[in-house]
All heavy atoms as atom14 arrays in JSON, in Angstrom:
{
  "sequence": "WASWCEPCKAEAPALARLYERYKDRVEFVAVNITAKDRIESVRAFVS",
  "atom14_mask": [
    [1, 1, 1, 1, 1, 1, 1, 1, 1, 1, 1, 1, 1, 1],
    [1, 1, 1, 1, 1, 0, 0, 0, 0, 0, 0, 0, 0, 0],
    [1, 1, 1, 1, 1, 1, 0, 0, 0, 0, 0, 0, 0, 0],
    [1, 1, 1, 1, 1, 1, 1, 1, 1, 1, 1, 1, 1, 1],
    [1, 1, 1, 1, 1, 1, 0, 0, 0, 0, 0, 0, 0, 0],
    [1, 1, 1, 1, 1, 1, 1, 1, 1, 0, 0, 0, 0, 0],
    [1, 1, 1, 1, 1, 1, 1, 0, 0, 0, 0, 0, 0, 0],
    [1, 1, 1, 1, 1, 1, 0, 0, 0, 0, 0, 0, 0, 0],
    [1, 1, 1, 1, 1, 1, 1, 1, 1, 0, 0, 0, 0, 0],
    [1, 1, 1, 1, 1, 0, 0, 0, 0, 0, 0, 0, 0, 0],
    [1, 1, 1, 1, 1, 1, 1, 1, 1, 0, 0, 0, 0, 0],
    [1, 1, 1, 1, 1, 0, 0, 0, 0, 0, 0, 0, 0, 0],
    [1, 1, 1, 1, 1, 1, 1, 0, 0, 0, 0, 0, 0, 0],
    [1, 1, 1, 1, 1, 0, 0, 0, 0, 0, 0, 0, 0, 0],
    [1, 1, 1, 1, 1, 1, 1, 1, 0, 0, 0, 0, 0, 0],
    [1, 1, 1, 1, 1, 0, 0, 0, 0, 0, 0, 0, 0, 0],
    [1, 1, 1, 1, 1, 1, 1, 1, 1, 1, 1, 0, 0, 0],
    [1, 1, 1, 1, 1, 1, 1, 1, 0, 0, 0, 0, 0, 0],
    [1, 1, 1, 1, 1, 1, 1, 1, 1, 1, 1, 1, 0, 0],
    [1, 1, 1, 1, 1, 1, 1, 1, 1, 0, 0, 0, 0, 0],
    [1, 1, 1, 1, 1, 1, 1, 1, 1, 1, 1, 0, 0, 0],
    [1, 1, 1, 1, 1, 1, 1, 1, 1, 1, 1, 1, 0, 0],
    [1, 1, 1, 1, 1, 1, 1, 1, 1, 0, 0, 0, 0, 0],
    [1, 1, 1, 1, 1, 1, 1, 1, 0, 0, 0, 0, 0, 0],
    [1, 1, 1, 1, 1, 1, 1, 1, 1, 1, 1, 0, 0, 0],
    [1, 1, 1, 1, 1, 1, 1, 0, 0, 0, 0, 0, 0, 0],
    [1, 1, 1, 1, 1, 1, 1, 1, 1, 0, 0, 0, 0, 0],
    [1, 1, 1, 1, 1, 1, 1, 1, 1, 1, 1, 0, 0, 0],
    [1, 1, 1, 1, 1, 1, 1, 0, 0, 0, 0, 0, 0, 0],
    [1, 1, 1, 1, 1, 0, 0, 0, 0, 0, 0, 0, 0, 0],
    [1, 1, 1, 1, 1, 1, 1, 0, 0, 0, 0, 0, 0, 0],
    [1, 1, 1, 1, 1, 1, 1, 1, 0, 0, 0, 0, 0, 0],
    [1, 1, 1, 1, 1, 1, 1, 1, 0, 0, 0, 0, 0, 0],
    [1, 1, 1, 1, 1, 1, 1, 0, 0, 0, 0, 0, 0, 0],
    [1, 1, 1, 1, 1, 0, 0, 0, 0, 0, 0, 0, 0, 0],
    [1, 1, 1, 1, 1, 1, 1, 1, 1, 0, 0, 0, 0, 0],
    [1, 1, 1, 1, 1, 1, 1, 1, 0, 0, 0, 0, 0, 0],
    [1, 1, 1, 1, 1, 1, 1, 1, 1, 1, 1, 0, 0, 0],
    [1, 1, 1, 1, 1, 1, 1, 1, 0, 0, 0, 0, 0, 0],
    [1, 1, 1, 1, 1, 1, 1, 1, 1, 0, 0, 0, 0, 0],
    [1, 1, 1, 1, 1, 1, 0, 0, 0, 0, 0, 0, 0, 0],
    [1, 1, 1, 1, 1, 1, 1, 0, 0, 0, 0, 0, 0, 0],
    [1, 1, 1, 1, 1, 1, 1, 1, 1, 1, 1, 0, 0, 0],
    [1, 1, 1, 1, 1, 0, 0, 0, 0, 0, 0, 0, 0, 0],
    [1, 1, 1, 1, 1, 1, 1, 1, 1, 1, 1, 0, 0, 0],
    [1, 1, 1, 1, 1, 1, 1, 0, 0, 0, 0, 0, 0, 0],
    [1, 1, 1, 1, 1, 1, 0, 0, 0, 0, 0, 0, 0, 0]
  ],
  "atom14_positions": [
    [[-39.47, 19.7, 80.84], [-40.06, 20.76, 80.03], [-41.5, 21.05, 80.47], [-42.07, 20.35, 81.28], [-40.05, 20.35, 78.55], [-40.92, 19.14, 78.31], [-40.63, 17.84, 78.62], [-42.24, 19.13, 77.77], [-41.69, 17.03, 78.29], [-42.68, 17.79, 77.77], [-43.08, 20.13, 77.29], [-43.95, 17.43, 77.29], [-44.33, 19.76, 76.81], [-44.74, 18.42, 76.81]],
    [[-42.07, 22.09, 79.85], [-43.49, 22.43, 80.01], [-43.99, 22.96, 78.66], [-43.22, 23.53, 77.89], [-43.69, 23.48, 81.1], [0.0, 0.0, 0.0], [0.0, 0.0, 0.0], [0.0, 0.0, 0.0], [0.0, 0.0, 0.0], [0.0, 0.0, 0.0], [0.0, 0.0, 0.0], [0.0, 0.0, 0.0], [0.0, 0.0, 0.0], [0.0, 0.0, 0.0]],
    [[-45.26, 22.79, 78.41], [-45.81, 23.18, 77.1], [-45.81, 24.68, 76.86], [-45.77, 25.13, 75.72], [-47.24, 22.63, 76.95], [-48.1, 23.27, 77.87], [0.0, 0.0, 0.0], [0.0, 0.0, 0.0], [0.0, 0.0, 0.0], [0.0, 0.0, 0.0], [0.0, 0.0, 0.0], [0.0, 0.0, 0.0], [0.0, 0.0, 0.0], [0.0, 0.0, 0.0]],
    [[-45.85, 25.48, 77.91], [-45.89, 26.94, 77.78], [-44.49, 27.55, 77.65], [-44.36, 28.75, 77.42], [-46.62, 27.55, 78.98], [-46.15, 27.03, 80.3], [-46.74, 26.04, 81.04], [-44.98, 27.43, 81.03], [-46.01, 25.81, 82.2], [-44.93, 26.64, 82.21], [-43.99, 28.37, 80.81], [-43.92, 26.77, 83.15], [-42.97, 28.5, 81.75], [-42.95, 27.71, 82.91]],
    [[-43.47, 26.76, 77.77], [-42.08, 27.22, 77.78], [-41.57, 27.44, 76.35], [-41.44, 26.48, 75.58], [-41.25, 26.18, 78.53], [-39.48, 26.29, 78.29], [0.0, 0.0, 0.0], [0.0, 0.0, 0.0], [0.0, 0.0, 0.0], [0.0, 0.0, 0.0], [0.0, 0.0, 0.0], [0.0, 0.0, 0.0], [0.0, 0.0, 0.0], [0.0, 0.0, 0.0]],
    [[-41.29, 28.69, 75.99], [-40.81, 29.0, 74.64], [-39.48, 28.31, 74.31], [-39.33, 27.76, 73.22], [-40.7, 30.51, 74.44], [-42.05, 31.22, 74.39], [-42.96, 30.74, 73.27], [-42.47, 30.46, 72.16], [-44.17, 30.63, 73.53], [0.0, 0.0, 0.0], [0.0, 0.0, 0.0], [0.0, 0.0, 0.0], [0.0, 0.0, 0.0], [0.0, 0.0, 0.0]],
    [[-38.48, 28.31, 75.2], [-37.25, 27.58, 74.89], [-37.49, 26.08, 74.71], [-36.82, 25.43, 73.9], [-36.34, 27.86, 76.09], [-36.84, 29.15, 76.65], [-38.33, 29.12, 76.43], [0.0, 0.0, 0.0], [0.0, 0.0, 0.0], [0.0, 0.0, 0.0], [0.0, 0.0, 0.0], [0.0, 0.0, 0.0], [0.0, 0.0, 0.0], [0.0, 0.0, 0.0]],
    [[-38.47, 25.52, 75.41], [-38.82, 24.11, 75.24], [-39.36, 23.86, 73.83], [-39.04, 22.85, 73.2], [-39.85, 23.68, 76.28], [-39.3, 23.85, 77.99], [0.0, 0.0, 0.0], [0.0, 0.0, 0.0], [0.0, 0.0, 0.0], [0.0, 0.0, 0.0], [0.0, 0.0, 0.0], [0.0, 0.0, 0.0], [0.0, 0.0, 0.0], [0.0, 0.0, 0.0]],
    [[-40.17, 24.79, 73.36], [-40.71, 24.69, 72.0], [-39.59, 24.77, 70.97], [-39.61, 24.05, 69.97], [-41.72, 25.81, 71.74], [-42.98, 25.68, 72.56], [-43.88, 26.89, 72.35], [-45.08, 26.84, 73.28], [-45.92, 28.04, 73.17], [0.0, 0.0, 0.0], [0.0, 0.0, 0.0], [0.0, 0.0, 0.0], [0.0, 0.0, 0.0], [0.0, 0.0, 0.0]],
    [[-38.62, 25.63, 71.21], [-37.5, 25.78, 70.28], [-36.64, 24.52, 70.22], [-36.1, 24.16, 69.17], [-36.64, 26.99, 70.68], [0.0, 0.0, 0.0], [0.0, 0.0, 0.0], [0.0, 0.0, 0.0], [0.0, 0.0, 0.0], [0.0, 0.0, 0.0], [0.0, 0.0, 0.0], [0.0, 0.0, 0.0], [0.0, 0.0, 0.0], [0.0, 0.0, 0.0]],
    [[-36.52, 23.82, 71.34], [-35.66, 22.65, 71.45], [-36.33, 21.35, 70.98], [-35.65, 20.41, 70.57], [-35.25, 22.53, 72.92], [-34.52, 21.3, 73.31], [-34.16, 21.31, 74.77], [-35.01, 20.92, 75.6], [-33.03, 21.7, 75.07], [0.0, 0.0, 0.0], [0.0, 0.0, 0.0], [0.0, 0.0, 0.0], [0.0, 0.0, 0.0], [0.0, 0.0, 0.0]],
    [[-37.64, 21.28, 71.04], [-38.38, 20.05, 70.76], [-38.06, 19.42, 69.4], [-37.87, 18.19, 69.33], [-39.88, 20.28, 70.91], [0.0, 0.0, 0.0], [0.0, 0.0, 0.0], [0.0, 0.0, 0.0], [0.0, 0.0, 0.0], [0.0, 0.0, 0.0], [0.0, 0.0, 0.0], [0.0, 0.0, 0.0], [0.0, 0.0, 0.0], [0.0, 0.0, 0.0]],
    [[-37.95, 20.18, 68.32], [-37.63, 19.54, 67.03], [-36.28, 18.82, 67.04], [-36.13, 17.74, 66.45], [-37.62, 20.71, 66.04], [-38.53, 21.72, 66.66], [-38.28, 21.6, 68.14], [0.0, 0.0, 0.0], [0.0, 0.0, 0.0], [0.0, 0.0, 0.0], [0.0, 0.0, 0.0], [0.0, 0.0, 0.0], [0.0, 0.0, 0.0], [0.0, 0.0, 0.0]],
    [[-35.3, 19.37, 67.73], [-33.99, 18.72, 67.83], [-34.12, 17.39, 68.57], [-33.54, 16.37, 68.16], [-32.98, 19.63, 68.52], [0.0, 0.0, 0.0], [0.0, 0.0, 0.0], [0.0, 0.0, 0.0], [0.0, 0.0, 0.0], [0.0, 0.0, 0.0], [0.0, 0.0, 0.0], [0.0, 0.0, 0.0], [0.0, 0.0, 0.0], [0.0, 0.0, 0.0]],
    [[-34.87, 17.38, 69.67], [-35.06, 16.15, 70.43], [-35.75, 15.08, 69.58], [-35.37, 13.91, 69.61], [-35.86, 16.42, 71.7], [-35.11, 17.11, 72.82], [-36.07, 17.6, 73.89], [-34.06, 16.19, 73.42], [0.0, 0.0, 0.0], [0.0, 0.0, 0.0], [0.0, 0.0, 0.0], [0.0, 0.0, 0.0], [0.0, 0.0, 0.0], [0.0, 0.0, 0.0]],
    [[-36.76, 15.48, 68.82], [-37.47, 14.53, 67.96], [-36.52, 13.93, 66.92], [-36.52, 12.71, 66.68], [-38.66, 15.21, 67.28], [0.0, 0.0, 0.0], [0.0, 0.0, 0.0], [0.0, 0.0, 0.0], [0.0, 0.0, 0.0], [0.0, 0.0, 0.0], [0.0, 0.0, 0.0], [0.0, 0.0, 0.0], [0.0, 0.0, 0.0], [0.0, 0.0, 0.0]],
    [[-35.69, 14.76, 66.29], [-34.73, 14.28, 65.29], [-33.69, 13.36, 65.92], [-33.35, 12.31, 65.36], [-34.02, 15.46, 64.62], [-34.86, 16.2, 63.61], [-34.04, 17.21, 62.83], [-33.51, 18.29, 63.63], [-34.16, 19.42, 63.93], [-35.39, 19.62, 63.47], [-33.6, 20.36, 64.65], [0.0, 0.0, 0.0], [0.0, 0.0, 0.0], [0.0, 0.0, 0.0]],
    [[-33.18, 13.74, 67.09], [-32.14, 12.94, 67.73], [-32.67, 11.6, 68.21], [-31.98, 10.59, 68.15], [-31.51, 13.73, 68.89], [-30.66, 14.9, 68.4], [-30.45, 15.92, 69.51], [-29.34, 14.41, 67.84], [0.0, 0.0, 0.0], [0.0, 0.0, 0.0], [0.0, 0.0, 0.0], [0.0, 0.0, 0.0], [0.0, 0.0, 0.0], [0.0, 0.0, 0.0]],
    [[-33.91, 11.59, 68.67], [-34.51, 10.32, 69.06], [-34.55, 9.37, 67.87], [-34.18, 8.2, 67.98], [-35.92, 10.53, 69.61], [-36.64, 9.23, 69.84], [-36.25, 8.38, 70.87], [-37.68, 8.83, 69.01], [-36.89, 7.16, 71.08], [-38.32, 7.62, 69.21], [-37.92, 6.79, 70.24], [-38.56, 5.59, 70.42], [0.0, 0.0, 0.0], [0.0, 0.0, 0.0]],
    [[-34.98, 9.86, 66.72], [-35.04, 9.01, 65.53], [-33.65, 8.49, 65.16], [-33.51, 7.35, 64.74], [-35.67, 9.76, 64.36], [-37.15, 10.0, 64.53], [-37.96, 8.74, 64.79], [-37.69, 7.69, 64.16], [-38.86, 8.78, 65.64], [0.0, 0.0, 0.0], [0.0, 0.0, 0.0], [0.0, 0.0, 0.0], [0.0, 0.0, 0.0], [0.0, 0.0, 0.0]],
    [[-32.65, 9.29, 65.37], [-31.28, 8.89, 65.01], [-30.68, 7.9, 66.02], [-29.97, 6.97, 65.64], [-30.4, 10.12, 64.91], [-28.98, 9.78, 64.57], [-28.15, 10.96, 64.25], [-26.79, 10.51, 63.98], [-25.81, 11.26, 63.66], [-26.02, 12.55, 63.51], [-24.62, 10.78, 63.45], [0.0, 0.0, 0.0], [0.0, 0.0, 0.0], [0.0, 0.0, 0.0]],
    [[-30.95, 8.1, 67.31], [-30.26, 7.33, 68.35], [-31.15, 6.33, 69.1], [-30.67, 5.66, 70.02], [-29.65, 8.29, 69.38], [-28.47, 9.05, 68.86], [-28.59, 10.38, 68.47], [-27.22, 8.44, 68.76], [-27.49, 11.07, 67.99], [-26.12, 9.14, 68.28], [-26.26, 10.45, 67.9], [-25.18, 11.14, 67.42], [0.0, 0.0, 0.0], [0.0, 0.0, 0.0]],
    [[-32.4, 6.17, 68.74], [-33.33, 5.38, 69.54], [-32.92, 3.93, 69.75], [-33.34, 3.31, 70.72], [-34.75, 5.46, 68.96], [-34.92, 4.82, 67.61], [-36.33, 5.03, 67.11], [-36.5, 4.52, 65.7], [-37.82, 4.85, 65.19], [0.0, 0.0, 0.0], [0.0, 0.0, 0.0], [0.0, 0.0, 0.0], [0.0, 0.0, 0.0], [0.0, 0.0, 0.0]],
    [[-32.07, 3.39, 68.9], [-31.6, 2.01, 69.09], [-30.47, 1.92, 70.11], [-30.19, 0.83, 70.61], [-31.13, 1.42, 67.75], [-32.28, 1.26, 66.77], [-33.44, 1.09, 67.22], [-32.03, 1.34, 65.56], [0.0, 0.0, 0.0], [0.0, 0.0, 0.0], [0.0, 0.0, 0.0], [0.0, 0.0, 0.0], [0.0, 0.0, 0.0], [0.0, 0.0, 0.0]],
    [[-29.84, 3.06, 70.41], [-28.69, 3.04, 71.32], [-28.89, 3.85, 72.6], [-28.17, 3.66, 73.57], [-27.45, 3.58, 70.6], [-27.04, 2.69, 69.43], [-25.81, 3.22, 68.75], [-26.17, 4.39, 67.95], [-25.3, 5.26, 67.49], [-24.03, 5.13, 67.75], [-25.7, 6.28, 66.77], [0.0, 0.0, 0.0], [0.0, 0.0, 0.0], [0.0, 0.0, 0.0]],
    [[-29.86, 4.77, 72.59], [-30.08, 5.66, 73.73], [-31.58, 5.74, 74.01], [-32.38, 5.86, 73.08], [-29.54, 7.09, 73.42], [-29.8, 8.03, 74.58], [-28.06, 7.05, 73.07], [0.0, 0.0, 0.0], [0.0, 0.0, 0.0], [0.0, 0.0, 0.0], [0.0, 0.0, 0.0], [0.0, 0.0, 0.0], [0.0, 0.0, 0.0], [0.0, 0.0, 0.0]],
    [[-31.95, 5.67, 75.28], [-33.34, 5.86, 75.68], [-33.59, 7.36, 75.84], [-32.71, 8.09, 76.31], [-33.63, 5.17, 77.02], [-33.48, 3.67, 76.98], [-34.62, 2.98, 76.26], [-35.64, 3.62, 75.93], [-34.48, 1.77, 76.02], [0.0, 0.0, 0.0], [0.0, 0.0, 0.0], [0.0, 0.0, 0.0], [0.0, 0.0, 0.0], [0.0, 0.0, 0.0]],
    [[-34.76, 7.82, 75.46], [-35.17, 9.21, 75.63], [-36.48, 9.24, 76.4], [-37.38, 8.45, 76.1], [-35.44, 9.87, 74.27], [-34.23, 10.25, 73.47], [-33.41, 9.28, 72.91], [-33.92, 11.59, 73.26], [-32.3, 9.64, 72.16], [-32.82, 11.95, 72.5], [-32.0, 10.98, 71.96], [0.0, 0.0, 0.0], [0.0, 0.0, 0.0], [0.0, 0.0, 0.0]],
    [[-36.59, 10.14, 77.37], [-37.87, 10.42, 78.02], [-37.99, 11.93, 78.18], [-37.01, 12.62, 78.42], [-38.05, 9.72, 79.38], [-38.1, 8.21, 79.23], [-37.01, 10.13, 80.38], [0.0, 0.0, 0.0], [0.0, 0.0, 0.0], [0.0, 0.0, 0.0], [0.0, 0.0, 0.0], [0.0, 0.0, 0.0], [0.0, 0.0, 0.0], [0.0, 0.0, 0.0]],
    [[-39.21, 12.4, 78.01], [-39.51, 13.81, 78.26], [-40.35, 13.85, 79.52], [-41.39, 13.2, 79.58], [-40.27, 14.4, 77.08], [0.0, 0.0, 0.0], [0.0, 0.0, 0.0], [0.0, 0.0, 0.0], [0.0, 0.0, 0.0], [0.0, 0.0, 0.0], [0.0, 0.0, 0.0], [0.0, 0.0, 0.0], [0.0, 0.0, 0.0], [0.0, 0.0, 0.0]],
    [[-39.9, 14.58, 80.52], [-40.64, 14.7, 81.77], [-41.33, 16.06, 81.78], [-40.69, 17.09, 81.93], [-39.72, 14.54, 83.0], [-40.53, 14.71, 84.29], [-39.02, 13.19, 82.98], [0.0, 0.0, 0.0], [0.0, 0.0, 0.0], [0.0, 0.0, 0.0], [0.0, 0.0, 0.0], [0.0, 0.0, 0.0], [0.0, 0.0, 0.0], [0.0, 0.0, 0.0]],
    [[-42.65, 16.01, 81.59], [-43.43, 17.24, 81.64], [-43.71, 17.56, 83.1], [-44.17, 16.7, 83.86], [-44.75, 17.08, 80.89], [-45.63, 18.28, 81.06], [-46.52, 18.3, 81.91], [-45.4, 19.32, 80.28], [0.0, 0.0, 0.0], [0.0, 0.0, 0.0], [0.0, 0.0, 0.0], [0.0, 0.0, 0.0], [0.0, 0.0, 0.0], [0.0, 0.0, 0.0]],
    [[-43.44, 18.79, 83.48], [-43.71, 19.22, 84.86], [-45.2, 19.59, 84.91], [-45.59, 20.75, 84.86], [-42.76, 20.36, 85.28], [-41.32, 19.9, 85.06], [-43.01, 20.73, 86.75], [-40.28, 20.95, 85.28], [0.0, 0.0, 0.0], [0.0, 0.0, 0.0], [0.0, 0.0, 0.0], [0.0, 0.0, 0.0], [0.0, 0.0, 0.0], [0.0, 0.0, 0.0]],
    [[-46.01, 18.55, 84.97], [-47.45, 18.66, 84.85], [-48.07, 19.44, 86.01], [-49.17, 19.98, 85.87], [-48.08, 17.25, 84.75], [-47.26, 16.45, 83.87], [-49.49, 17.31, 84.18], [0.0, 0.0, 0.0], [0.0, 0.0, 0.0], [0.0, 0.0, 0.0], [0.0, 0.0, 0.0], [0.0, 0.0, 0.0], [0.0, 0.0, 0.0], [0.0, 0.0, 0.0]],
    [[-47.37, 19.54, 87.11], [-47.87, 20.33, 88.24], [-48.04, 21.79, 87.84], [-48.84, 22.51, 88.44], [-46.92, 20.22, 89.43], [0.0, 0.0, 0.0], [0.0, 0.0, 0.0], [0.0, 0.0, 0.0], [0.0, 0.0, 0.0], [0.0, 0.0, 0.0], [0.0, 0.0, 0.0], [0.0, 0.0, 0.0], [0.0, 0.0, 0.0], [0.0, 0.0, 0.0]],
    [[-47.31, 22.23, 86.83], [-47.38, 23.62, 86.35], [-47.86, 23.68, 84.9], [-47.56, 24.63, 84.18], [-46.01, 24.28, 86.45], [-45.43, 24.31, 87.84], [-46.15, 25.31, 88.71], [-45.51, 25.36, 90.08], [-46.22, 26.2, 90.99], [0.0, 0.0, 0.0], [0.0, 0.0, 0.0], [0.0, 0.0, 0.0], [0.0, 0.0, 0.0], [0.0, 0.0, 0.0]],
    [[-48.59, 22.66, 84.46], [-49.02, 22.57, 83.06], [-50.42, 21.98, 83.02], [-50.97, 21.58, 84.05], [-48.03, 21.69, 82.28], [-47.86, 22.11, 80.84], [-48.77, 22.75, 80.27], [-46.81, 21.79, 80.25], [0.0, 0.0, 0.0], [0.0, 0.0, 0.0], [0.0, 0.0, 0.0], [0.0, 0.0, 0.0], [0.0, 0.0, 0.0], [0.0, 0.0, 0.0]],
    [[-51.0, 21.93, 81.83], [-52.33, 21.33, 81.63], [-52.16, 20.15, 80.69], [-51.48, 20.25, 79.67], [-53.29, 22.35, 81.02], [-53.62, 23.49, 81.96], [-54.65, 24.46, 81.4], [-55.36, 23.96, 80.24], [-55.48, 24.64, 79.09], [-54.98, 25.85, 78.96], [-56.12, 24.12, 78.08], [0.0, 0.0, 0.0], [0.0, 0.0, 0.0], [0.0, 0.0, 0.0]],
    [[-52.81, 19.04, 81.0], [-52.65, 17.81, 80.22], [-53.05, 18.02, 78.76], [-52.42, 17.47, 77.85], [-53.39, 16.62, 80.86], [-52.93, 15.3, 80.27], [-54.89, 16.77, 80.74], [-51.54, 14.91, 80.66], [0.0, 0.0, 0.0], [0.0, 0.0, 0.0], [0.0, 0.0, 0.0], [0.0, 0.0, 0.0], [0.0, 0.0, 0.0], [0.0, 0.0, 0.0]],
    [[-54.07, 18.85, 78.51], [-54.47, 19.12, 77.12], [-53.35, 19.81, 76.36], [-53.1, 19.54, 75.19], [-55.74, 19.99, 77.06], [-56.93, 19.45, 77.8], [-56.9, 19.73, 79.3], [-56.29, 20.73, 79.75], [-57.49, 18.93, 80.04], [0.0, 0.0, 0.0], [0.0, 0.0, 0.0], [0.0, 0.0, 0.0], [0.0, 0.0, 0.0], [0.0, 0.0, 0.0]],
    [[-52.67, 20.73, 77.04], [-51.55, 21.45, 76.42], [-50.37, 20.52, 76.18], [-49.66, 20.65, 75.18], [-51.12, 22.62, 77.3], [-52.2, 23.51, 77.48], [0.0, 0.0, 0.0], [0.0, 0.0, 0.0], [0.0, 0.0, 0.0], [0.0, 0.0, 0.0], [0.0, 0.0, 0.0], [0.0, 0.0, 0.0], [0.0, 0.0, 0.0], [0.0, 0.0, 0.0]],
    [[-50.17, 19.58, 77.09], [-49.09, 18.59, 76.94], [-49.35, 17.76, 75.69], [-48.46, 17.57, 74.85], [-48.99, 17.69, 78.19], [-47.98, 16.57, 77.98], [-48.62, 18.52, 79.42], [0.0, 0.0, 0.0], [0.0, 0.0, 0.0], [0.0, 0.0, 0.0], [0.0, 0.0, 0.0], [0.0, 0.0, 0.0], [0.0, 0.0, 0.0], [0.0, 0.0, 0.0]],
    [[-50.56, 17.25, 75.55], [-50.91, 16.43, 74.38], [-50.73, 17.22, 73.08], [-50.2, 16.7, 72.1], [-52.34, 15.92, 74.49], [-52.54, 14.87, 75.55], [-53.97, 14.31, 75.52], [-54.27, 13.56, 76.71], [-53.82, 12.36, 76.99], [-53.03, 11.76, 76.13], [-54.16, 11.75, 78.11], [0.0, 0.0, 0.0], [0.0, 0.0, 0.0], [0.0, 0.0, 0.0]],
    [[-51.17, 18.46, 73.07], [-51.04, 19.3, 71.87], [-49.57, 19.53, 71.53], [-49.17, 19.45, 70.35], [-51.76, 20.63, 72.08], [0.0, 0.0, 0.0], [0.0, 0.0, 0.0], [0.0, 0.0, 0.0], [0.0, 0.0, 0.0], [0.0, 0.0, 0.0], [0.0, 0.0, 0.0], [0.0, 0.0, 0.0], [0.0, 0.0, 0.0], [0.0, 0.0, 0.0]],
    [[-48.74, 19.8, 72.52], [-47.3, 20.02, 72.33], [-46.66, 18.77, 71.71], [-45.91, 18.86, 70.73], [-46.64, 20.35, 73.67], [-45.19, 20.68, 73.6], [-44.77, 22.0, 73.66], [-44.21, 19.69, 73.52], [-43.41, 22.32, 73.61], [-42.87, 20.0, 73.48], [-42.46, 21.32, 73.52], [0.0, 0.0, 0.0], [0.0, 0.0, 0.0], [0.0, 0.0, 0.0]],
    [[-46.95, 17.62, 72.29], [-46.37, 16.35, 71.81], [-46.78, 16.09, 70.36], [-45.95, 15.71, 69.53], [-46.78, 15.19, 72.74], [-46.44, 13.83, 72.13], [-46.13, 15.36, 74.1], [0.0, 0.0, 0.0], [0.0, 0.0, 0.0], [0.0, 0.0, 0.0], [0.0, 0.0, 0.0], [0.0, 0.0, 0.0], [0.0, 0.0, 0.0], [0.0, 0.0, 0.0]],
    [[-48.04, 16.32, 70.06], [-48.53, 16.13, 68.7], [-47.89, 17.11, 67.72], [-47.42, 16.72, 66.65], [-50.05, 16.28, 68.68], [-50.55, 16.19, 67.38], [0.0, 0.0, 0.0], [0.0, 0.0, 0.0], [0.0, 0.0, 0.0], [0.0, 0.0, 0.0], [0.0, 0.0, 0.0], [0.0, 0.0, 0.0], [0.0, 0.0, 0.0], [0.0, 0.0, 0.0]]
  ]
}
């Protein structure tokens, strides 16, 4: 994902909910394509 990506923003709440539900059985990682993003924007998106 990237912080400027509108579909990424739409999907993020589902990922957060699913992580809480499955975190004991499934690992989750979000790979920010930081080469095309800004670290400040990444932190704000995550928060």
